[in-house]
Amino acid sequence: VAANALKMLDLLLEAGVLPDIMKEHAGDEDDEHLVVMAAALLHDIGNQVHRHEHPLHSTYLAIPILNRLLPHVYQDAEKMYEIRGHILHAIRVHGADVKDLTMEATLVGIADGTDMTKGRGRLAFDTGNINIHTVSALSIEKVEIAKGAEKPIEIRIEMSNSAGIFQVQETLVPKLTGSPLEDHVDIIAITMPEGGEDSRIVQKLIIKGGKLAPKN
Protein backbone atom coordinates (compact mmCIF):
# COMPACT_ATOMS: atom_id res chain seq x y z
CA VAL A 1 0.00 0.00 0.00
CA ALA A 2 2.72 2.48 0.98
CA ALA A 3 4.75 1.80 -2.17
CA ASN A 4 1.73 2.32 -4.42
CA ALA A 5 0.69 5.49 -2.60
CA LEU A 6 4.18 6.98 -2.91
CA LYS A 7 4.41 5.99 -6.58
CA MET A 8 1.16 7.78 -7.33
CA LEU A 9 2.32 10.83 -5.39
CA ASP A 10 5.48 10.98 -7.49
CA LEU A 11 3.43 10.70 -10.70
CA LEU A 12 1.28 13.63 -9.59
CA LEU A 13 4.30 15.76 -8.76
CA GLU A 14 5.94 14.82 -12.06
CA ALA A 15 2.82 16.02 -13.88
CA GLY A 16 2.87 19.32 -12.01
CA VAL A 17 -0.19 18.52 -9.88
CA LEU A 18 0.29 19.96 -6.40
CA PRO A 19 -1.34 18.00 -3.56
CA ASP A 20 -3.03 19.98 -0.80
CA ILE A 21 -0.10 20.41 1.58
CA MET A 22 2.04 22.04 -1.11
CA LYS A 23 -0.91 23.91 -2.61
CA GLU A 24 -1.67 25.46 0.78
CA HIS A 25 2.05 26.22 1.38
CA ALA A 26 1.90 24.04 4.48
CA GLY A 27 4.91 21.96 3.44
CA ASP A 28 7.19 20.75 0.66
CA GLU A 29 7.70 17.48 -1.21
CA ASP A 30 9.39 15.88 1.80
CA ASP A 31 6.34 16.66 3.94
CA GLU A 32 4.07 15.22 1.25
CA HIS A 33 6.03 11.97 1.20
CA LEU A 34 6.05 11.77 5.00
CA VAL A 35 2.28 12.26 5.26
CA VAL A 36 1.45 9.70 2.58
CA MET A 37 3.95 7.12 3.83
CA ALA A 38 2.97 7.45 7.50
CA ALA A 39 -0.75 7.21 6.76
CA ALA A 40 -0.24 4.25 4.43
CA LEU A 41 1.82 2.38 7.02
CA LEU A 42 -0.62 3.03 9.87
CA HIS A 43 -3.98 2.92 8.10
CA ASP A 44 -4.87 -0.66 9.06
CA ILE A 45 -3.45 -0.97 12.59
CA GLY A 46 -6.99 -0.70 13.93
CA ASN A 47 -7.72 -4.21 12.67
CA GLN A 48 -6.16 -5.44 15.90
CA VAL A 49 -9.23 -4.02 17.66
CA HIS A 50 -11.87 -5.06 15.12
CA ARG A 51 -12.36 -5.13 11.37
CA HIS A 52 -15.59 -3.18 11.83
CA GLU A 53 -14.82 0.56 11.95
CA HIS A 54 -11.09 -0.18 11.81
CA PRO A 55 -10.28 3.19 10.16
CA LEU A 56 -11.55 4.88 13.32
CA HIS A 57 -9.62 2.50 15.57
CA SER A 58 -6.51 3.07 13.46
CA THR A 59 -6.83 6.83 13.90
CA TYR A 60 -6.88 6.59 17.69
CA LEU A 61 -4.02 4.09 17.81
CA ALA A 62 -1.89 6.22 15.48
CA ILE A 63 -2.00 9.33 17.69
CA PRO A 64 0.50 8.20 20.36
CA ILE A 65 2.79 6.75 17.68
CA LEU A 66 2.85 10.04 15.78
CA ASN A 67 3.24 12.03 19.00
CA ARG A 68 6.36 10.00 19.75
CA LEU A 69 7.94 10.13 16.29
CA LEU A 70 7.03 13.46 14.70
CA PRO A 71 8.93 15.68 17.20
CA HIS A 72 12.12 14.09 15.86
CA VAL A 73 11.28 15.53 12.44
CA TYR A 74 9.53 18.80 13.29
CA GLN A 75 10.83 21.19 15.91
CA ASP A 76 8.01 23.66 15.24
CA ALA A 77 4.99 22.42 17.21
CA GLU A 78 2.43 24.15 14.99
CA LYS A 79 3.90 22.57 11.87
CA MET A 80 4.06 19.17 13.56
CA TYR A 81 0.39 19.22 14.57
CA GLU A 82 -0.67 20.34 11.10
CA ILE A 83 1.23 17.45 9.53
CA ARG A 84 -0.20 15.07 12.12
CA GLY A 85 -3.69 16.26 11.24
CA HIS A 86 -3.15 15.43 7.57
CA ILE A 87 -1.90 11.94 8.49
CA LEU A 88 -4.82 11.24 10.81
CA HIS A 89 -7.32 12.47 8.24
CA ALA A 90 -5.87 10.13 5.61
CA ILE A 91 -6.05 7.20 8.03
CA ARG A 92 -9.63 7.94 9.06
CA VAL A 93 -11.10 8.26 5.57
CA HIS A 94 -9.29 5.45 3.74
CA GLY A 95 -12.29 3.13 3.96
CA ALA A 96 -14.49 5.27 1.65
CA ASP A 97 -17.33 5.47 4.20
CA VAL A 98 -16.20 9.00 5.13
CA LYS A 99 -15.46 11.59 2.43
CA ASP A 100 -11.80 12.39 1.90
CA LEU A 101 -10.95 16.08 1.72
CA THR A 102 -7.33 16.05 0.57
CA MET A 103 -5.38 14.53 -2.29
CA GLU A 104 -3.02 12.94 0.20
CA ALA A 105 -5.91 11.09 1.82
CA THR A 106 -7.21 9.95 -1.56
CA LEU A 107 -3.78 8.59 -2.48
CA VAL A 108 -3.79 6.39 0.62
CA GLY A 109 -7.36 5.23 0.02
CA ILE A 110 -6.74 4.36 -3.63
CA ALA A 111 -3.47 2.61 -2.76
CA ASP A 112 -5.38 0.54 -0.21
CA GLY A 113 -7.86 -0.33 -2.95
CA THR A 114 -5.09 -1.49 -5.28
CA ASP A 115 -4.10 -4.15 -2.74
CA MET A 116 -6.47 -6.65 -4.34
CA THR A 117 -4.43 -9.31 -6.11
CA LYS A 118 -5.51 -12.93 -5.89
CA GLY A 119 -3.24 -13.88 -2.98
CA ARG A 120 -5.59 -12.02 -0.63
CA GLY A 121 -8.49 -14.33 -1.46
CA ARG A 122 -6.61 -17.63 -1.73
CA LEU A 123 -6.71 -18.65 1.94
CA ALA A 124 -10.40 -17.89 2.34
CA PHE A 125 -11.24 -19.76 -0.87
CA ASP A 126 -9.10 -22.77 0.01
CA THR A 127 -10.75 -23.06 3.43
CA GLY A 128 -14.19 -23.26 1.83
CA ASN A 129 -15.31 -19.62 1.93
CA ILE A 130 -16.61 -19.45 -1.64
CA ASN A 131 -18.56 -16.33 -2.56
CA ILE A 132 -18.43 -13.47 -5.05
CA HIS A 133 -15.83 -11.71 -2.88
CA THR A 134 -13.33 -14.59 -2.89
CA VAL A 135 -13.99 -15.58 -6.50
CA SER A 136 -13.57 -12.00 -7.71
CA ALA A 137 -10.40 -11.57 -5.62
CA LEU A 138 -8.91 -14.70 -7.20
CA SER A 139 -9.63 -13.20 -10.63
CA ILE A 140 -7.20 -10.30 -10.10
CA GLU A 141 -3.84 -11.31 -11.53
CA LYS A 142 -1.93 -8.04 -11.47
CA VAL A 143 -2.32 -4.37 -10.58
CA GLU A 144 0.06 -1.91 -12.20
CA ILE A 145 0.42 1.82 -11.58
CA ALA A 146 2.01 3.90 -14.31
CA LYS A 147 2.03 7.28 -15.99
CA GLY A 148 -1.21 7.61 -17.90
CA ALA A 149 -1.67 8.59 -21.53
CA GLU A 150 -4.38 11.13 -20.71
CA LYS A 151 -4.10 11.58 -16.95
CA PRO A 152 -1.11 11.64 -14.57
CA ILE A 153 -1.97 8.23 -13.11
CA GLU A 154 -3.20 5.06 -14.79
CA ILE A 155 -4.15 2.01 -12.73
CA ARG A 156 -4.23 -1.09 -14.94
CA ILE A 157 -5.87 -4.22 -13.53
CA GLU A 158 -5.36 -7.53 -15.29
CA MET A 159 -8.01 -10.19 -14.62
CA SER A 160 -8.14 -13.88 -15.48
CA ASN A 161 -11.93 -13.89 -15.12
CA SER A 162 -14.60 -11.24 -15.63
CA ALA A 163 -15.73 -11.78 -12.03
CA GLY A 164 -12.83 -9.51 -11.08
CA ILE A 165 -14.99 -6.56 -12.15
CA PHE A 166 -16.84 -6.94 -8.85
CA GLN A 167 -13.60 -6.50 -6.91
CA VAL A 168 -12.70 -3.39 -8.91
CA GLN A 169 -16.17 -1.91 -8.56
CA GLU A 170 -16.52 -2.58 -4.83
CA THR A 171 -12.95 -1.99 -3.64
CA LEU A 172 -11.37 0.62 -5.86
CA VAL A 173 -13.96 2.67 -7.74
CA PRO A 174 -15.73 4.10 -4.63
CA LYS A 175 -12.41 5.46 -3.37
CA LEU A 176 -11.86 7.45 -6.56
CA THR A 177 -15.38 8.59 -7.42
CA GLY A 178 -16.06 12.08 -6.09
CA SER A 179 -12.57 12.36 -4.60
CA PRO A 180 -10.06 15.21 -5.10
CA LEU A 181 -8.15 12.94 -7.51
CA GLU A 182 -11.04 11.85 -9.72
CA ASP A 183 -9.83 13.98 -12.63
CA HIS A 184 -6.23 12.78 -12.32
CA VAL A 185 -6.60 8.97 -12.30
CA ASP A 186 -7.75 6.46 -14.93
CA ILE A 187 -8.72 2.91 -13.93
CA ILE A 188 -8.52 0.32 -16.70
CA ALA A 189 -9.60 -3.30 -16.10
CA ILE A 190 -8.72 -5.92 -18.72
CA THR A 191 -9.54 -9.62 -18.89
CA MET A 192 -6.43 -11.48 -20.06
CA PRO A 193 -5.64 -12.70 -22.57
CA GLU A 194 -7.51 -10.09 -24.56
CA GLY A 195 -9.91 -11.76 -26.96
CA GLY A 196 -9.53 -15.11 -25.18
CA GLU A 197 -11.75 -17.08 -22.83
CA ASP A 198 -12.15 -16.53 -19.10
CA SER A 199 -10.29 -18.84 -16.75
CA ARG A 200 -12.72 -20.86 -14.63
CA ILE A 201 -12.21 -20.52 -10.89
CA VAL A 202 -15.11 -22.78 -9.87
CA GLN A 203 -16.57 -25.72 -11.82
CA LYS A 204 -19.41 -27.15 -9.74
CA LEU A 205 -20.86 -25.93 -6.43
CA ILE A 206 -23.30 -27.23 -3.86
CA ILE A 207 -24.98 -25.38 -0.98
CA LYS A 208 -24.08 -26.79 2.43
CA GLY A 209 -25.18 -25.14 5.63
CA GLY A 210 -26.17 -22.00 3.78
CA LYS A 211 -22.78 -21.69 2.09
CA LEU A 212 -21.43 -22.54 -1.34
CA ALA A 213 -18.94 -25.42 -1.39
CA PRO A 214 -17.14 -27.20 -4.24
CA LYS A 215 -18.77 -30.43 -5.43
CA ASN A 216 -16.72 -33.21 -6.99
C-alpha atoms as a PDB file:
ATOM      1  CA  VAL A   1       0.000   0.000   0.000  1.00  0.00           C
ATOM      2  CA  ALA A   2       2.722   2.477   0.984  1.00  0.00           C
ATOM      3  CA  ALA A   3       4.749   1.796  -2.169  1.00  0.00           C
ATOM      4  CA  ASN A   4       1.725   2.320  -4.421  1.00  0.00           C
ATOM      5  CA  ALA A   5       0.694   5.495  -2.598  1.00  0.00           C
ATOM      6  CA  LEU A   6       4.182   6.980  -2.912  1.00  0.00           C
ATOM      7  CA  LYS A   7       4.412   5.993  -6.578  1.00  0.00           C
ATOM      8  CA  MET A   8       1.156   7.779  -7.335  1.00  0.00           C
ATOM      9  CA  LEU A   9       2.322  10.832  -5.389  1.00  0.00           C
ATOM     10  CA  ASP A  10       5.484  10.980  -7.491  1.00  0.00           C
ATOM     11  CA  LEU A  11       3.433  10.701 -10.701  1.00  0.00           C
ATOM     12  CA  LEU A  12       1.278  13.626  -9.589  1.00  0.00           C
ATOM     13  CA  LEU A  13       4.298  15.763  -8.763  1.00  0.00           C
ATOM     14  CA  GLU A  14       5.943  14.816 -12.059  1.00  0.00           C
ATOM     15  CA  ALA A  15       2.817  16.019 -13.883  1.00  0.00           C
ATOM     16  CA  GLY A  16       2.866  19.321 -12.007  1.00  0.00           C
ATOM     17  CA  VAL A  17      -0.191  18.523  -9.883  1.00  0.00           C
ATOM     18  CA  LEU A  18       0.287  19.960  -6.398  1.00  0.00           C
ATOM     19  CA  PRO A  19      -1.337  17.999  -3.556  1.00  0.00           C
ATOM     20  CA  ASP A  20      -3.033  19.977  -0.800  1.00  0.00           C
ATOM     21  CA  ILE A  21      -0.100  20.408   1.579  1.00  0.00           C
ATOM     22  CA  MET A  22       2.035  22.044  -1.108  1.00  0.00           C
ATOM     23  CA  LYS A  23      -0.913  23.908  -2.608  1.00  0.00           C
ATOM     24  CA  GLU A  24      -1.670  25.463   0.782  1.00  0.00           C
ATOM     25  CA  HIS A  25       2.050  26.220   1.379  1.00  0.00           C
ATOM     26  CA  ALA A  26       1.900  24.036   4.479  1.00  0.00           C
ATOM     27  CA  GLY A  27       4.910  21.956   3.445  1.00  0.00           C
ATOM     28  CA  ASP A  28       7.185  20.747   0.664  1.00  0.00           C
ATOM     29  CA  GLU A  29       7.701  17.477  -1.209  1.00  0.00           C
ATOM     30  CA  ASP A  30       9.388  15.875   1.805  1.00  0.00           C
ATOM     31  CA  ASP A  31       6.341  16.663   3.939  1.00  0.00           C
ATOM     32  CA  GLU A  32       4.074  15.223   1.250  1.00  0.00           C
ATOM     33  CA  HIS A  33       6.032  11.973   1.203  1.00  0.00           C
ATOM     34  CA  LEU A  34       6.055  11.774   4.997  1.00  0.00           C
ATOM     35  CA  VAL A  35       2.284  12.258   5.263  1.00  0.00           C
ATOM     36  CA  VAL A  36       1.452   9.702   2.583  1.00  0.00           C
ATOM     37  CA  MET A  37       3.950   7.124   3.832  1.00  0.00           C
ATOM     38  CA  ALA A  38       2.967   7.450   7.499  1.00  0.00           C
ATOM     39  CA  ALA A  39      -0.753   7.210   6.757  1.00  0.00           C
ATOM     40  CA  ALA A  40      -0.239   4.247   4.430  1.00  0.00           C
ATOM     41  CA  LEU A  41       1.824   2.376   7.021  1.00  0.00           C
ATOM     42  CA  LEU A  42      -0.617   3.035   9.872  1.00  0.00           C
ATOM     43  CA  HIS A  43      -3.980   2.916   8.098  1.00  0.00           C
ATOM     44  CA  ASP A  44      -4.865  -0.659   9.064  1.00  0.00           C
ATOM     45  CA  ILE A  45      -3.446  -0.971  12.588  1.00  0.00           C
ATOM     46  CA  GLY A  46      -6.995  -0.698  13.930  1.00  0.00           C
ATOM     47  CA  ASN A  47      -7.723  -4.210  12.673  1.00  0.00           C
ATOM     48  CA  GLN A  48      -6.162  -5.442  15.904  1.00  0.00           C
ATOM     49  CA  VAL A  49      -9.227  -4.015  17.662  1.00  0.00           C
ATOM     50  CA  HIS A  50     -11.865  -5.058  15.123  1.00  0.00           C
ATOM     51  CA  ARG A  51     -12.359  -5.128  11.371  1.00  0.00           C
ATOM     52  CA  HIS A  52     -15.594  -3.176  11.826  1.00  0.00           C
ATOM     53  CA  GLU A  53     -14.818   0.563  11.948  1.00  0.00           C
ATOM     54  CA  HIS A  54     -11.094  -0.185  11.809  1.00  0.00           C
ATOM     55  CA  PRO A  55     -10.279   3.189  10.161  1.00  0.00           C
ATOM     56  CA  LEU A  56     -11.555   4.883  13.318  1.00  0.00           C
ATOM     57  CA  HIS A  57      -9.620   2.496  15.570  1.00  0.00           C
ATOM     58  CA  SER A  58      -6.506   3.067  13.456  1.00  0.00           C
ATOM     59  CA  THR A  59      -6.828   6.829  13.899  1.00  0.00           C
ATOM     60  CA  TYR A  60      -6.883   6.588  17.689  1.00  0.00           C
ATOM     61  CA  LEU A  61      -4.020   4.087  17.807  1.00  0.00           C
ATOM     62  CA  ALA A  62      -1.888   6.222  15.480  1.00  0.00           C
ATOM     63  CA  ILE A  63      -2.002   9.332  17.687  1.00  0.00           C
ATOM     64  CA  PRO A  64       0.503   8.199  20.363  1.00  0.00           C
ATOM     65  CA  ILE A  65       2.788   6.754  17.683  1.00  0.00           C
ATOM     66  CA  LEU A  66       2.848  10.039  15.785  1.00  0.00           C
ATOM     67  CA  ASN A  67       3.239  12.026  19.000  1.00  0.00           C
ATOM     68  CA  ARG A  68       6.357   9.999  19.752  1.00  0.00           C
ATOM     69  CA  LEU A  69       7.942  10.131  16.290  1.00  0.00           C
ATOM     70  CA  LEU A  70       7.027  13.458  14.697  1.00  0.00           C
ATOM     71  CA  PRO A  71       8.926  15.675  17.200  1.00  0.00           C
ATOM     72  CA  HIS A  72      12.125  14.086  15.863  1.00  0.00           C
ATOM     73  CA  VAL A  73      11.279  15.529  12.436  1.00  0.00           C
ATOM     74  CA  TYR A  74       9.533  18.801  13.285  1.00  0.00           C
ATOM     75  CA  GLN A  75      10.825  21.186  15.914  1.00  0.00           C
ATOM     76  CA  ASP A  76       8.014  23.658  15.240  1.00  0.00           C
ATOM     77  CA  ALA A  77       4.987  22.420  17.213  1.00  0.00           C
ATOM     78  CA  GLU A  78       2.430  24.154  14.988  1.00  0.00           C
ATOM     79  CA  LYS A  79       3.896  22.566  11.865  1.00  0.00           C
ATOM     80  CA  MET A  80       4.059  19.171  13.562  1.00  0.00           C
ATOM     81  CA  TYR A  81       0.392  19.222  14.567  1.00  0.00           C
ATOM     82  CA  GLU A  82      -0.672  20.338  11.096  1.00  0.00           C
ATOM     83  CA  ILE A  83       1.233  17.454   9.525  1.00  0.00           C
ATOM     84  CA  ARG A  84      -0.196  15.073  12.119  1.00  0.00           C
ATOM     85  CA  GLY A  85      -3.693  16.259  11.236  1.00  0.00           C
ATOM     86  CA  HIS A  86      -3.146  15.425   7.574  1.00  0.00           C
ATOM     87  CA  ILE A  87      -1.897  11.945   8.486  1.00  0.00           C
ATOM     88  CA  LEU A  88      -4.815  11.243  10.814  1.00  0.00           C
ATOM     89  CA  HIS A  89      -7.321  12.466   8.237  1.00  0.00           C
ATOM     90  CA  ALA A  90      -5.866  10.131   5.607  1.00  0.00           C
ATOM     91  CA  ILE A  91      -6.051   7.202   8.026  1.00  0.00           C
ATOM     92  CA  ARG A  92      -9.631   7.937   9.058  1.00  0.00           C
ATOM     93  CA  VAL A  93     -11.105   8.259   5.566  1.00  0.00           C
ATOM     94  CA  HIS A  94      -9.289   5.453   3.744  1.00  0.00           C
ATOM     95  CA  GLY A  95     -12.286   3.134   3.964  1.00  0.00           C
ATOM     96  CA  ALA A  96     -14.495   5.272   1.649  1.00  0.00           C
ATOM     97  CA  ASP A  97     -17.331   5.470   4.196  1.00  0.00           C
ATOM     98  CA  VAL A  98     -16.203   9.003   5.130  1.00  0.00           C
ATOM     99  CA  LYS A  99     -15.464  11.595   2.430  1.00  0.00           C
ATOM    100  CA  ASP A 100     -11.803  12.387   1.897  1.00  0.00           C
ATOM    101  CA  LEU A 101     -10.955  16.076   1.721  1.00  0.00           C
ATOM    102  CA  THR A 102      -7.327  16.049   0.575  1.00  0.00           C
ATOM    103  CA  MET A 103      -5.383  14.529  -2.291  1.00  0.00           C
ATOM    104  CA  GLU A 104      -3.018  12.939   0.203  1.00  0.00           C
ATOM    105  CA  ALA A 105      -5.912  11.089   1.822  1.00  0.00           C
ATOM    106  CA  THR A 106      -7.212   9.949  -1.559  1.00  0.00           C
ATOM    107  CA  LEU A 107      -3.778   8.588  -2.477  1.00  0.00           C
ATOM    108  CA  VAL A 108      -3.794   6.390   0.624  1.00  0.00           C
ATOM    109  CA  GLY A 109      -7.364   5.231   0.017  1.00  0.00           C
ATOM    110  CA  ILE A 110      -6.740   4.357  -3.626  1.00  0.00           C
ATOM    111  CA  ALA A 111      -3.470   2.612  -2.762  1.00  0.00           C
ATOM    112  CA  ASP A 112      -5.383   0.541  -0.211  1.00  0.00           C
ATOM    113  CA  GLY A 113      -7.864  -0.331  -2.950  1.00  0.00           C
ATOM    114  CA  THR A 114      -5.089  -1.494  -5.282  1.00  0.00           C
ATOM    115  CA  ASP A 115      -4.104  -4.152  -2.738  1.00  0.00           C
ATOM    116  CA  MET A 116      -6.471  -6.651  -4.341  1.00  0.00           C
ATOM    117  CA  THR A 117      -4.426  -9.306  -6.113  1.00  0.00           C
ATOM    118  CA  LYS A 118      -5.506 -12.932  -5.889  1.00  0.00           C
ATOM    119  CA  GLY A 119      -3.243 -13.877  -2.985  1.00  0.00           C
ATOM    120  CA  ARG A 120      -5.595 -12.015  -0.634  1.00  0.00           C
ATOM    121  CA  GLY A 121      -8.490 -14.331  -1.464  1.00  0.00           C
ATOM    122  CA  ARG A 122      -6.608 -17.626  -1.735  1.00  0.00           C
ATOM    123  CA  LEU A 123      -6.708 -18.650   1.942  1.00  0.00           C
ATOM    124  CA  ALA A 124     -10.401 -17.892   2.341  1.00  0.00           C
ATOM    125  CA  PHE A 125     -11.240 -19.758  -0.873  1.00  0.00           C
ATOM    126  CA  ASP A 126      -9.102 -22.775   0.007  1.00  0.00           C
ATOM    127  CA  THR A 127     -10.747 -23.058   3.431  1.00  0.00           C
ATOM    128  CA  GLY A 128     -14.191 -23.258   1.832  1.00  0.00           C
ATOM    129  CA  ASN A 129     -15.308 -19.623   1.926  1.00  0.00           C
ATOM    130  CA  ILE A 130     -16.608 -19.445  -1.642  1.00  0.00           C
ATOM    131  CA  ASN A 131     -18.561 -16.332  -2.565  1.00  0.00           C
ATOM    132  CA  ILE A 132     -18.430 -13.472  -5.047  1.00  0.00           C
ATOM    133  CA  HIS A 133     -15.826 -11.712  -2.884  1.00  0.00           C
ATOM    134  CA  THR A 134     -13.330 -14.585  -2.892  1.00  0.00           C
ATOM    135  CA  VAL A 135     -13.994 -15.578  -6.503  1.00  0.00           C
ATOM    136  CA  SER A 136     -13.571 -11.998  -7.710  1.00  0.00           C
ATOM    137  CA  ALA A 137     -10.405 -11.575  -5.621  1.00  0.00           C
ATOM    138  CA  LEU A 138      -8.913 -14.697  -7.203  1.00  0.00           C
ATOM    139  CA  SER A 139      -9.629 -13.204 -10.631  1.00  0.00           C
ATOM    140  CA  ILE A 140      -7.201 -10.302 -10.105  1.00  0.00           C
ATOM    141  CA  GLU A 141      -3.839 -11.306 -11.529  1.00  0.00           C
ATOM    142  CA  LYS A 142      -1.926  -8.040 -11.474  1.00  0.00           C
ATOM    143  CA  VAL A 143      -2.324  -4.369 -10.579  1.00  0.00           C
ATOM    144  CA  GLU A 144       0.062  -1.913 -12.202  1.00  0.00           C
ATOM    145  CA  ILE A 145       0.415   1.816 -11.582  1.00  0.00           C
ATOM    146  CA  ALA A 146       2.015   3.903 -14.308  1.00  0.00           C
ATOM    147  CA  LYS A 147       2.031   7.285 -15.990  1.00  0.00           C
ATOM    148  CA  GLY A 148      -1.211   7.615 -17.903  1.00  0.00           C
ATOM    149  CA  ALA A 149      -1.672   8.593 -21.529  1.00  0.00           C
ATOM    150  CA  GLU A 150      -4.384  11.131 -20.708  1.00  0.00           C
ATOM    151  CA  LYS A 151      -4.096  11.580 -16.947  1.00  0.00           C
ATOM    152  CA  PRO A 152      -1.109  11.644 -14.573  1.00  0.00           C
ATOM    153  CA  ILE A 153      -1.967   8.228 -13.107  1.00  0.00           C
ATOM    154  CA  GLU A 154      -3.203   5.059 -14.792  1.00  0.00           C
ATOM    155  CA  ILE A 155      -4.152   2.012 -12.734  1.00  0.00           C
ATOM    156  CA  ARG A 156      -4.229  -1.093 -14.936  1.00  0.00           C
ATOM    157  CA  ILE A 157      -5.874  -4.216 -13.529  1.00  0.00           C
ATOM    158  CA  GLU A 158      -5.360  -7.535 -15.294  1.00  0.00           C
ATOM    159  CA  MET A 159      -8.008 -10.194 -14.619  1.00  0.00           C
ATOM    160  CA  SER A 160      -8.143 -13.878 -15.483  1.00  0.00           C
ATOM    161  CA  ASN A 161     -11.931 -13.888 -15.120  1.00  0.00           C
ATOM    162  CA  SER A 162     -14.604 -11.237 -15.634  1.00  0.00           C
ATOM    163  CA  ALA A 163     -15.727 -11.775 -12.029  1.00  0.00           C
ATOM    164  CA  GLY A 164     -12.834  -9.512 -11.085  1.00  0.00           C
ATOM    165  CA  ILE A 165     -14.985  -6.563 -12.154  1.00  0.00           C
ATOM    166  CA  PHE A 166     -16.843  -6.943  -8.851  1.00  0.00           C
ATOM    167  CA  GLN A 167     -13.603  -6.504  -6.912  1.00  0.00           C
ATOM    168  CA  VAL A 168     -12.698  -3.395  -8.912  1.00  0.00           C
ATOM    169  CA  GLN A 169     -16.172  -1.910  -8.558  1.00  0.00           C
ATOM    170  CA  GLU A 170     -16.524  -2.575  -4.833  1.00  0.00           C
ATOM    171  CA  THR A 171     -12.952  -1.992  -3.639  1.00  0.00           C
ATOM    172  CA  LEU A 172     -11.365   0.622  -5.863  1.00  0.00           C
ATOM    173  CA  VAL A 173     -13.955   2.670  -7.741  1.00  0.00           C
ATOM    174  CA  PRO A 174     -15.728   4.100  -4.635  1.00  0.00           C
ATOM    175  CA  LYS A 175     -12.406   5.463  -3.372  1.00  0.00           C
ATOM    176  CA  LEU A 176     -11.856   7.454  -6.562  1.00  0.00           C
ATOM    177  CA  THR A 177     -15.379   8.592  -7.424  1.00  0.00           C
ATOM    178  CA  GLY A 178     -16.059  12.082  -6.093  1.00  0.00           C
ATOM    179  CA  SER A 179     -12.572  12.364  -4.603  1.00  0.00           C
ATOM    180  CA  PRO A 180     -10.058  15.207  -5.095  1.00  0.00           C
ATOM    181  CA  LEU A 181      -8.153  12.935  -7.510  1.00  0.00           C
ATOM    182  CA  GLU A 182     -11.044  11.849  -9.717  1.00  0.00           C
ATOM    183  CA  ASP A 183      -9.828  13.983 -12.632  1.00  0.00           C
ATOM    184  CA  HIS A 184      -6.233  12.776 -12.318  1.00  0.00           C
ATOM    185  CA  VAL A 185      -6.596   8.966 -12.302  1.00  0.00           C
ATOM    186  CA  ASP A 186      -7.746   6.463 -14.928  1.00  0.00           C
ATOM    187  CA  ILE A 187      -8.719   2.914 -13.927  1.00  0.00           C
ATOM    188  CA  ILE A 188      -8.523   0.321 -16.699  1.00  0.00           C
ATOM    189  CA  ALA A 189      -9.604  -3.300 -16.098  1.00  0.00           C
ATOM    190  CA  ILE A 190      -8.721  -5.915 -18.724  1.00  0.00           C
ATOM    191  CA  THR A 191      -9.535  -9.624 -18.895  1.00  0.00           C
ATOM    192  CA  MET A 192      -6.432 -11.478 -20.060  1.00  0.00           C
ATOM    193  CA  PRO A 193      -5.645 -12.702 -22.573  1.00  0.00           C
ATOM    194  CA  GLU A 194      -7.505 -10.086 -24.563  1.00  0.00           C
ATOM    195  CA  GLY A 195      -9.909 -11.757 -26.959  1.00  0.00           C
ATOM    196  CA  GLY A 196      -9.533 -15.107 -25.184  1.00  0.00           C
ATOM    197  CA  GLU A 197     -11.750 -17.081 -22.826  1.00  0.00           C
ATOM    198  CA  ASP A 198     -12.153 -16.534 -19.102  1.00  0.00           C
ATOM    199  CA  SER A 199     -10.295 -18.844 -16.751  1.00  0.00           C
ATOM    200  CA  ARG A 200     -12.724 -20.861 -14.630  1.00  0.00           C
ATOM    201  CA  ILE A 201     -12.210 -20.517 -10.889  1.00  0.00           C
ATOM    202  CA  VAL A 202     -15.113 -22.777  -9.874  1.00  0.00           C
ATOM    203  CA  GLN A 203     -16.574 -25.717 -11.820  1.00  0.00           C
ATOM    204  CA  LYS A 204     -19.407 -27.147  -9.741  1.00  0.00           C
ATOM    205  CA  LEU A 205     -20.857 -25.934  -6.434  1.00  0.00           C
ATOM    206  CA  ILE A 206     -23.303 -27.228  -3.855  1.00  0.00           C
ATOM    207  CA  ILE A 207     -24.975 -25.381  -0.983  1.00  0.00           C
ATOM    208  CA  LYS A 208     -24.075 -26.789   2.429  1.00  0.00           C
ATOM    209  CA  GLY A 209     -25.180 -25.136   5.629  1.00  0.00           C
ATOM    210  CA  GLY A 210     -26.170 -22.001   3.776  1.00  0.00           C
ATOM    211  CA  LYS A 211     -22.782 -21.687   2.087  1.00  0.00           C
ATOM    212  CA  LEU A 212     -21.426 -22.540  -1.337  1.00  0.00           C
ATOM    213  CA  ALA A 213     -18.939 -25.415  -1.392  1.00  0.00           C
ATOM    214  CA  PRO A 214     -17.136 -27.197  -4.235  1.00  0.00           C
ATOM    215  CA  LYS A 215     -18.769 -30.425  -5.429  1.00  0.00           C
ATOM    216  CA  ASN A 216     -16.721 -33.209  -6.992  1.00  0.00           C
END
